Amino acid sequence: LANKRWEDQLLALTSYKHRYGTCDVPLNHPTLGTWAAEQRNQYRAYEQQLPTPLTAERYEKLKNIGITINRWEKRLVELKAYRAEHGHCDVPIDHPSGLGIWVSTQREHAHWNRDEMPKERIESLDAVGFNWNRWGHSRTKNRQDAWETQFIKLN
């Protein structure tokens, strides 16, 4: 029964990947979030040769569908693509891929634990034009500047 449930979840993860292009399921996903996070943890432990219930067969299945353990760098690539498409890094918190939650988490981490955030991550986010402001959006400021510019032209 446990094996069938695992296989069913793997099938659901495969479907998720076909739909969203990634196995990086947000933790708050109602059916896959917790399971996928646990598989990533077990996958990582298996690769590091630590004790894990993950079998070699399941490891290969996860590897073959493209489960990733370096989620941060993968999210950075997604953020770069988002910026290229939208012109900004202010991803809505409810973005279907979970990218908005990741962006919010980076802001929170930097706000509360800036000294613990690796310098390379800060530099990578800065390089893509990341907006560190948790309460405002750079788009809002740009709109305000544009409005004021147009208002001045009226006089």
N, C-alpha and C. Protein backbone atom coordinates (compact mmCIF):
# COMPACT_ATOMS: atom_id res chain seq x y z
N LEU A 1 0.83 -1.20 0.00
CA LEU A 1 0.00 0.00 0.00
C LEU A 1 0.87 1.26 0.00
N ALA A 2 1.93 1.25 0.83
CA ALA A 2 2.82 2.41 0.87
C ALA A 2 3.52 2.61 -0.47
N ASN A 3 3.90 1.52 -1.11
CA ASN A 3 4.56 1.61 -2.41
C ASN A 3 3.61 2.18 -3.46
N LYS A 4 2.34 1.77 -3.43
CA LYS A 4 1.36 2.29 -4.39
C LYS A 4 1.15 3.78 -4.17
N ARG A 5 1.07 4.19 -2.91
CA ARG A 5 0.90 5.62 -2.62
C ARG A 5 2.11 6.42 -3.13
N TRP A 6 3.32 5.88 -2.92
CA TRP A 6 4.51 6.58 -3.40
C TRP A 6 4.47 6.70 -4.92
N GLU A 7 4.12 5.61 -5.59
CA GLU A 7 4.04 5.62 -7.06
C GLU A 7 2.96 6.59 -7.54
N ASP A 8 1.83 6.65 -6.84
CA ASP A 8 0.77 7.60 -7.18
C ASP A 8 1.25 9.04 -7.04
N GLN A 9 1.99 9.30 -5.97
CA GLN A 9 2.53 10.65 -5.76
C GLN A 9 3.57 10.98 -6.84
N LEU A 10 4.38 10.01 -7.21
CA LEU A 10 5.35 10.22 -8.27
C LEU A 10 4.64 10.55 -9.59
N LEU A 11 3.57 9.86 -9.87
CA LEU A 11 2.77 10.13 -11.06
C LEU A 11 2.19 11.55 -11.01
N ALA A 12 1.69 11.93 -9.83
CA ALA A 12 1.17 13.29 -9.67
C ALA A 12 2.28 14.33 -9.85
N LEU A 13 3.46 14.03 -9.33
CA LEU A 13 4.60 14.95 -9.50
C LEU A 13 4.99 15.06 -10.97
N THR A 14 4.95 13.94 -11.68
CA THR A 14 5.25 13.95 -13.11
C THR A 14 4.24 14.82 -13.86
N SER A 15 2.97 14.70 -13.51
CA SER A 15 1.92 15.54 -14.12
C SER A 15 2.15 17.01 -13.80
N TYR A 16 2.52 17.28 -12.56
CA TYR A 16 2.81 18.65 -12.14
C TYR A 16 3.95 19.22 -12.99
N LYS A 17 4.98 18.42 -13.20
CA LYS A 17 6.12 18.88 -13.98
C LYS A 17 5.71 19.17 -15.43
N HIS A 18 4.87 18.32 -16.00
CA HIS A 18 4.41 18.56 -17.37
C HIS A 18 3.61 19.85 -17.46
N ARG A 19 2.85 20.14 -16.43
CA ARG A 19 2.01 21.34 -16.44
C ARG A 19 2.81 22.61 -16.19
N TYR A 20 3.74 22.58 -15.20
CA TYR A 20 4.45 23.79 -14.78
C TYR A 20 5.91 23.84 -15.20
N GLY A 21 6.42 22.74 -15.76
CA GLY A 21 7.79 22.73 -16.23
C GLY A 21 8.84 22.54 -15.15
N THR A 22 8.41 22.17 -13.96
CA THR A 22 9.33 22.00 -12.84
C THR A 22 8.78 20.98 -11.85
N CYS A 23 9.68 20.37 -11.11
CA CYS A 23 9.28 19.49 -9.99
C CYS A 23 9.33 20.25 -8.68
N ASP A 24 9.57 21.53 -8.75
CA ASP A 24 9.72 22.35 -7.56
C ASP A 24 8.33 22.79 -7.08
N VAL A 25 7.65 21.88 -6.42
CA VAL A 25 6.29 22.12 -5.95
C VAL A 25 6.34 23.01 -4.70
N PRO A 26 5.53 24.08 -4.66
CA PRO A 26 5.50 24.90 -3.45
C PRO A 26 5.05 24.08 -2.24
N LEU A 27 5.62 24.37 -1.11
CA LEU A 27 5.30 23.62 0.10
C LEU A 27 3.82 23.68 0.44
N ASN A 28 3.16 24.77 0.07
CA ASN A 28 1.74 24.92 0.39
C ASN A 28 0.81 24.24 -0.62
N HIS A 29 1.36 23.52 -1.59
CA HIS A 29 0.51 22.78 -2.54
C HIS A 29 -0.29 21.75 -1.75
N PRO A 30 -1.61 21.67 -1.97
CA PRO A 30 -2.46 20.85 -1.11
C PRO A 30 -2.18 19.35 -1.12
N THR A 31 -1.70 18.80 -2.22
CA THR A 31 -1.49 17.35 -2.25
C THR A 31 -0.04 16.94 -2.43
N LEU A 32 0.78 17.79 -3.01
CA LEU A 32 2.16 17.40 -3.32
C LEU A 32 3.24 18.13 -2.53
N GLY A 33 2.90 19.27 -1.94
CA GLY A 33 3.92 20.12 -1.32
C GLY A 33 4.78 19.42 -0.30
N THR A 34 4.16 18.84 0.70
CA THR A 34 4.90 18.18 1.77
C THR A 34 5.62 16.94 1.26
N TRP A 35 4.95 16.17 0.42
CA TRP A 35 5.55 14.96 -0.12
C TRP A 35 6.79 15.28 -0.95
N ALA A 36 6.67 16.29 -1.83
CA ALA A 36 7.81 16.65 -2.68
C ALA A 36 8.98 17.16 -1.84
N ALA A 37 8.69 17.94 -0.81
CA ALA A 37 9.75 18.44 0.07
C ALA A 37 10.46 17.27 0.76
N GLU A 38 9.69 16.29 1.20
CA GLU A 38 10.28 15.12 1.85
C GLU A 38 11.13 14.32 0.86
N GLN A 39 10.68 14.22 -0.37
CA GLN A 39 11.46 13.49 -1.38
C GLN A 39 12.78 14.20 -1.66
N ARG A 40 12.74 15.55 -1.71
CA ARG A 40 13.98 16.31 -1.91
C ARG A 40 14.94 16.06 -0.75
N ASN A 41 14.42 16.05 0.47
CA ASN A 41 15.26 15.80 1.64
C ASN A 41 15.89 14.40 1.57
N GLN A 42 15.07 13.42 1.22
CA GLN A 42 15.58 12.05 1.11
C GLN A 42 16.57 11.92 -0.05
N TYR A 43 16.29 12.59 -1.15
CA TYR A 43 17.16 12.59 -2.33
C TYR A 43 18.53 13.14 -1.94
N ARG A 44 18.51 14.28 -1.24
CA ARG A 44 19.75 14.92 -0.79
C ARG A 44 20.52 13.97 0.14
N ALA A 45 19.82 13.36 1.08
CA ALA A 45 20.46 12.43 2.02
C ALA A 45 21.06 11.25 1.27
N TYR A 46 20.35 10.73 0.29
CA TYR A 46 20.85 9.60 -0.50
C TYR A 46 22.14 9.98 -1.22
N GLU A 47 22.15 11.18 -1.83
CA GLU A 47 23.35 11.63 -2.55
C GLU A 47 24.53 11.84 -1.60
N GLN A 48 24.25 12.21 -0.38
CA GLN A 48 25.31 12.44 0.60
C GLN A 48 25.64 11.16 1.39
N GLN A 49 25.03 10.08 0.96
CA GLN A 49 25.23 8.76 1.58
C GLN A 49 24.90 8.77 3.07
N LEU A 50 23.83 9.48 3.41
CA LEU A 50 23.33 9.52 4.78
C LEU A 50 22.16 8.54 4.90
N PRO A 51 21.83 8.14 6.10
CA PRO A 51 20.69 7.22 6.26
C PRO A 51 19.40 7.85 5.74
N THR A 52 18.68 7.11 4.93
CA THR A 52 17.42 7.56 4.35
C THR A 52 16.59 6.36 3.95
N PRO A 53 15.26 6.48 4.03
CA PRO A 53 14.41 5.38 3.57
C PRO A 53 14.32 5.30 2.04
N LEU A 54 14.90 6.27 1.34
CA LEU A 54 14.84 6.27 -0.13
C LEU A 54 15.68 5.13 -0.70
N THR A 55 15.03 4.30 -1.50
CA THR A 55 15.74 3.19 -2.14
C THR A 55 16.44 3.67 -3.40
N ALA A 56 17.37 2.86 -3.88
CA ALA A 56 18.08 3.19 -5.12
C ALA A 56 17.10 3.32 -6.28
N GLU A 57 16.10 2.46 -6.32
CA GLU A 57 15.10 2.50 -7.39
C GLU A 57 14.30 3.81 -7.36
N ARG A 58 13.88 4.21 -6.18
CA ARG A 58 13.13 5.47 -6.06
C ARG A 58 14.03 6.67 -6.36
N TYR A 59 15.26 6.62 -5.92
CA TYR A 59 16.23 7.68 -6.22
C TYR A 59 16.33 7.87 -7.73
N GLU A 60 16.48 6.78 -8.46
CA GLU A 60 16.59 6.86 -9.93
C GLU A 60 15.33 7.43 -10.56
N LYS A 61 14.18 7.05 -10.04
CA LYS A 61 12.91 7.58 -10.57
C LYS A 61 12.82 9.08 -10.35
N LEU A 62 13.19 9.53 -9.17
CA LEU A 62 13.17 10.97 -8.89
C LEU A 62 14.17 11.71 -9.77
N LYS A 63 15.34 11.12 -9.91
CA LYS A 63 16.39 11.72 -10.75
C LYS A 63 15.92 11.82 -12.20
N ASN A 64 15.26 10.78 -12.68
CA ASN A 64 14.81 10.74 -14.08
C ASN A 64 13.74 11.77 -14.40
N ILE A 65 12.91 12.12 -13.42
CA ILE A 65 11.89 13.14 -13.72
C ILE A 65 12.42 14.54 -13.50
N GLY A 66 13.61 14.66 -12.90
CA GLY A 66 14.25 15.97 -12.78
C GLY A 66 14.03 16.68 -11.47
N ILE A 67 13.88 15.93 -10.38
CA ILE A 67 13.76 16.59 -9.08
C ILE A 67 15.07 17.31 -8.79
N THR A 68 14.98 18.50 -8.23
CA THR A 68 16.18 19.29 -7.96
C THR A 68 16.33 19.52 -6.47
N ILE A 69 17.57 19.59 -6.04
CA ILE A 69 17.81 19.90 -4.63
C ILE A 69 18.40 21.29 -4.46
N ASN A 70 18.97 21.86 -5.50
CA ASN A 70 19.46 23.23 -5.40
C ASN A 70 18.37 24.16 -5.90
N ARG A 71 17.35 24.29 -5.08
CA ARG A 71 16.18 25.05 -5.46
C ARG A 71 16.47 26.55 -5.58
N TRP A 72 17.38 27.08 -4.77
CA TRP A 72 17.62 28.52 -4.77
C TRP A 72 18.10 28.98 -6.15
N GLU A 73 19.08 28.30 -6.69
CA GLU A 73 19.61 28.70 -8.00
C GLU A 73 18.58 28.51 -9.10
N LYS A 74 17.78 27.47 -8.97
CA LYS A 74 16.70 27.25 -9.95
C LYS A 74 15.69 28.39 -9.89
N ARG A 75 15.37 28.82 -8.68
CA ARG A 75 14.43 29.94 -8.52
C ARG A 75 15.02 31.24 -9.08
N LEU A 76 16.32 31.42 -8.92
CA LEU A 76 16.96 32.62 -9.47
C LEU A 76 16.81 32.64 -10.99
N VAL A 77 16.98 31.51 -11.63
CA VAL A 77 16.79 31.41 -13.08
C VAL A 77 15.34 31.76 -13.44
N GLU A 78 14.40 31.26 -12.66
CA GLU A 78 12.98 31.58 -12.90
C GLU A 78 12.73 33.07 -12.72
N LEU A 79 13.36 33.68 -11.71
CA LEU A 79 13.19 35.11 -11.48
C LEU A 79 13.75 35.92 -12.64
N LYS A 80 14.88 35.50 -13.18
CA LYS A 80 15.46 36.19 -14.34
C LYS A 80 14.50 36.12 -15.53
N ALA A 81 13.90 34.96 -15.74
CA ALA A 81 12.93 34.80 -16.83
C ALA A 81 11.70 35.67 -16.59
N TYR A 82 11.25 35.73 -15.35
CA TYR A 82 10.09 36.56 -15.00
C TYR A 82 10.41 38.03 -15.28
N ARG A 83 11.60 38.47 -14.87
CA ARG A 83 11.99 39.86 -15.11
C ARG A 83 12.07 40.16 -16.61
N ALA A 84 12.62 39.23 -17.38
CA ALA A 84 12.72 39.43 -18.82
C ALA A 84 11.34 39.59 -19.44
N GLU A 85 10.37 38.85 -18.93
CA GLU A 85 9.01 38.92 -19.48
C GLU A 85 8.23 40.12 -18.97
N HIS A 86 8.39 40.48 -17.68
CA HIS A 86 7.55 41.51 -17.07
C HIS A 86 8.26 42.83 -16.81
N GLY A 87 9.59 42.84 -16.90
CA GLY A 87 10.33 44.08 -16.70
C GLY A 87 10.59 44.44 -15.24
N HIS A 88 10.26 43.56 -14.32
CA HIS A 88 10.47 43.80 -12.90
C HIS A 88 10.55 42.47 -12.17
N CYS A 89 10.93 42.54 -10.90
CA CYS A 89 11.06 41.32 -10.07
C CYS A 89 10.00 41.24 -8.99
N ASP A 90 8.95 42.04 -9.09
CA ASP A 90 7.89 42.05 -8.08
C ASP A 90 6.85 40.99 -8.41
N VAL A 91 7.21 39.74 -8.16
CA VAL A 91 6.35 38.60 -8.48
C VAL A 91 5.20 38.55 -7.48
N PRO A 92 3.96 38.44 -7.95
CA PRO A 92 2.84 38.34 -7.01
C PRO A 92 2.99 37.12 -6.09
N ILE A 93 2.61 37.30 -4.84
CA ILE A 93 2.77 36.24 -3.85
C ILE A 93 2.02 34.98 -4.25
N ASP A 94 0.94 35.13 -5.02
CA ASP A 94 0.13 33.97 -5.41
C ASP A 94 0.48 33.43 -6.80
N HIS A 95 1.68 33.76 -7.27
CA HIS A 95 2.11 33.25 -8.58
C HIS A 95 2.01 31.72 -8.57
N PRO A 96 1.42 31.11 -9.60
CA PRO A 96 1.15 29.66 -9.55
C PRO A 96 2.39 28.77 -9.40
N SER A 97 3.55 29.23 -9.78
CA SER A 97 4.75 28.39 -9.66
C SER A 97 5.35 28.41 -8.26
N GLY A 98 4.87 29.32 -7.41
CA GLY A 98 5.47 29.47 -6.09
C GLY A 98 6.60 30.49 -6.07
N LEU A 99 6.90 31.10 -7.21
CA LEU A 99 8.01 32.04 -7.29
C LEU A 99 7.77 33.26 -6.40
N GLY A 100 6.52 33.70 -6.30
CA GLY A 100 6.20 34.85 -5.45
C GLY A 100 6.51 34.60 -3.99
N ILE A 101 6.24 33.39 -3.53
CA ILE A 101 6.56 33.02 -2.15
C ILE A 101 8.07 33.04 -1.96
N TRP A 102 8.80 32.52 -2.95
CA TRP A 102 10.26 32.51 -2.87
C TRP A 102 10.80 33.93 -2.80
N VAL A 103 10.28 34.83 -3.64
CA VAL A 103 10.72 36.23 -3.64
C VAL A 103 10.47 36.85 -2.27
N SER A 104 9.27 36.63 -1.75
CA SER A 104 8.93 37.16 -0.43
C SER A 104 9.87 36.61 0.64
N THR A 105 10.19 35.34 0.55
CA THR A 105 11.09 34.70 1.52
C THR A 105 12.48 35.33 1.45
N GLN A 106 12.96 35.66 0.24
CA GLN A 106 14.28 36.29 0.12
C GLN A 106 14.27 37.65 0.80
N ARG A 107 13.19 38.41 0.60
CA ARG A 107 13.09 39.72 1.25
C ARG A 107 13.07 39.58 2.76
N GLU A 108 12.27 38.64 3.25
CA GLU A 108 12.16 38.42 4.69
C GLU A 108 13.52 37.99 5.27
N HIS A 109 14.16 37.06 4.59
CA HIS A 109 15.45 36.56 5.07
C HIS A 109 16.46 37.70 5.13
N ALA A 110 16.48 38.52 4.10
CA ALA A 110 17.44 39.63 4.07
C ALA A 110 17.11 40.66 5.14
N HIS A 111 15.82 40.86 5.40
CA HIS A 111 15.43 41.85 6.40
C HIS A 111 15.81 41.40 7.81
N TRP A 112 15.52 40.15 8.13
CA TRP A 112 15.74 39.65 9.49
C TRP A 112 17.11 39.02 9.70
N ASN A 113 17.71 38.48 8.65
CA ASN A 113 18.97 37.73 8.79
C ASN A 113 19.98 38.14 7.73
N ARG A 114 20.09 39.39 7.41
CA ARG A 114 20.95 39.84 6.31
C ARG A 114 22.39 39.33 6.46
N ASP A 115 22.89 39.29 7.70
CA ASP A 115 24.27 38.84 7.91
C ASP A 115 24.43 37.35 7.64
N GLU A 116 23.34 36.60 7.72
CA GLU A 116 23.41 35.16 7.48
C GLU A 116 23.18 34.80 6.02
N MET A 117 22.64 35.73 5.24
CA MET A 117 22.39 35.46 3.83
C MET A 117 23.72 35.51 3.09
N PRO A 118 24.06 34.45 2.36
CA PRO A 118 25.34 34.44 1.66
C PRO A 118 25.50 35.64 0.71
N LYS A 119 26.67 36.23 0.75
CA LYS A 119 26.97 37.41 -0.06
C LYS A 119 26.71 37.14 -1.55
N GLU A 120 27.02 35.92 -2.00
CA GLU A 120 26.82 35.57 -3.40
C GLU A 120 25.34 35.64 -3.78
N ARG A 121 24.46 35.26 -2.86
CA ARG A 121 23.03 35.34 -3.14
C ARG A 121 22.56 36.78 -3.23
N ILE A 122 23.04 37.60 -2.31
CA ILE A 122 22.68 39.02 -2.35
C ILE A 122 23.15 39.63 -3.67
N GLU A 123 24.38 39.35 -4.05
CA GLU A 123 24.92 39.88 -5.31
C GLU A 123 24.15 39.37 -6.52
N SER A 124 23.77 38.10 -6.49
CA SER A 124 23.00 37.53 -7.61
C SER A 124 21.64 38.19 -7.73
N LEU A 125 20.99 38.43 -6.61
CA LEU A 125 19.68 39.08 -6.63
C LEU A 125 19.82 40.55 -7.05
N ASP A 126 20.84 41.21 -6.55
CA ASP A 126 21.09 42.60 -6.96
C ASP A 126 21.32 42.68 -8.48
N ALA A 127 22.06 41.73 -9.01
CA ALA A 127 22.40 41.74 -10.44
C ALA A 127 21.16 41.60 -11.33
N VAL A 128 20.13 40.93 -10.83
CA VAL A 128 18.92 40.77 -11.62
C VAL A 128 17.94 41.94 -11.40
N GLY A 129 18.29 42.86 -10.50
CA GLY A 129 17.44 44.01 -10.25
C GLY A 129 16.38 43.74 -9.19
N PHE A 130 16.72 42.89 -8.24
CA PHE A 130 15.78 42.51 -7.19
C PHE A 130 15.38 43.71 -6.36
N ASN A 131 14.10 43.81 -6.05
CA ASN A 131 13.56 44.88 -5.21
C ASN A 131 13.52 44.39 -3.77
N TRP A 132 14.38 44.92 -2.92
CA TRP A 132 14.48 44.46 -1.53
C TRP A 132 13.40 45.05 -0.65
N ASN A 133 12.67 46.02 -1.13
CA ASN A 133 11.65 46.68 -0.33
C ASN A 133 10.47 45.75 -0.12
N ARG A 134 10.19 45.40 1.12
CA ARG A 134 9.14 44.44 1.42
C ARG A 134 7.74 45.04 1.32
N TRP A 135 7.60 46.35 1.50
CA TRP A 135 6.26 46.93 1.56
C TRP A 135 5.88 47.69 0.30
N GLY A 136 6.84 48.14 -0.44
CA GLY A 136 6.54 48.88 -1.65
C GLY A 136 7.08 48.13 -2.84
N HIS A 137 6.69 48.56 -3.98
CA HIS A 137 7.16 47.91 -5.19
C HIS A 137 7.81 48.95 -6.08
N SER A 138 8.89 48.58 -6.72
CA SER A 138 9.57 49.51 -7.60
C SER A 138 8.63 49.98 -8.71
N ARG A 139 7.71 49.11 -9.12
CA ARG A 139 6.75 49.49 -10.16
C ARG A 139 5.91 50.67 -9.69
N THR A 140 5.51 50.67 -8.39
CA THR A 140 4.69 51.74 -7.85
C THR A 140 5.45 53.06 -7.92
N LYS A 141 6.71 53.04 -7.53
CA LYS A 141 7.53 54.25 -7.58
C LYS A 141 7.67 54.73 -9.03
N ASN A 142 7.89 53.81 -9.94
CA ASN A 142 8.03 54.20 -11.34
C ASN A 142 6.73 54.82 -11.86
N ARG A 143 5.59 54.27 -11.47
CA ARG A 143 4.30 54.85 -11.87
C ARG A 143 4.12 56.24 -11.29
N GLN A 144 4.51 56.40 -10.01
CA GLN A 144 4.39 57.71 -9.36
C GLN A 144 5.28 58.72 -10.08
N ASP A 145 6.52 58.34 -10.38
CA ASP A 145 7.42 59.23 -11.11
C ASP A 145 6.84 59.60 -12.46
N ALA A 146 6.28 58.63 -13.17
CA ALA A 146 5.68 58.89 -14.48
C ALA A 146 4.49 59.83 -14.35
N TRP A 147 3.67 59.63 -13.32
CA TRP A 147 2.51 60.49 -13.11
C TRP A 147 2.96 61.93 -12.86
N GLU A 148 3.97 62.09 -11.98
CA GLU A 148 4.46 63.43 -11.66
C GLU A 148 5.06 64.10 -12.89
N THR A 149 5.77 63.34 -13.69
CA THR A 149 6.34 63.89 -14.93
C THR A 149 5.24 64.40 -15.85
N GLN A 150 4.19 63.60 -16.03
CA GLN A 150 3.08 64.01 -16.88
C GLN A 150 2.32 65.20 -16.29
N PHE A 151 2.18 65.22 -14.97
CA PHE A 151 1.48 66.33 -14.31
C PHE A 151 2.22 67.65 -14.54
N ILE A 152 3.55 67.60 -14.44
CA ILE A 152 4.37 68.80 -14.65
C ILE A 152 4.19 69.30 -16.08
N LYS A 153 4.06 68.38 -17.04
CA LYS A 153 3.88 68.77 -18.44
C LYS A 153 2.56 69.49 -18.65
N LEU A 154 1.57 69.30 -17.79
CA LEU A 154 0.29 69.97 -17.92
C LEU A 154 0.38 71.45 -17.63
N ASN A 155 1.35 71.84 -16.82
CA ASN A 155 1.49 73.25 -16.43
C ASN A 155 2.15 74.08 -17.48
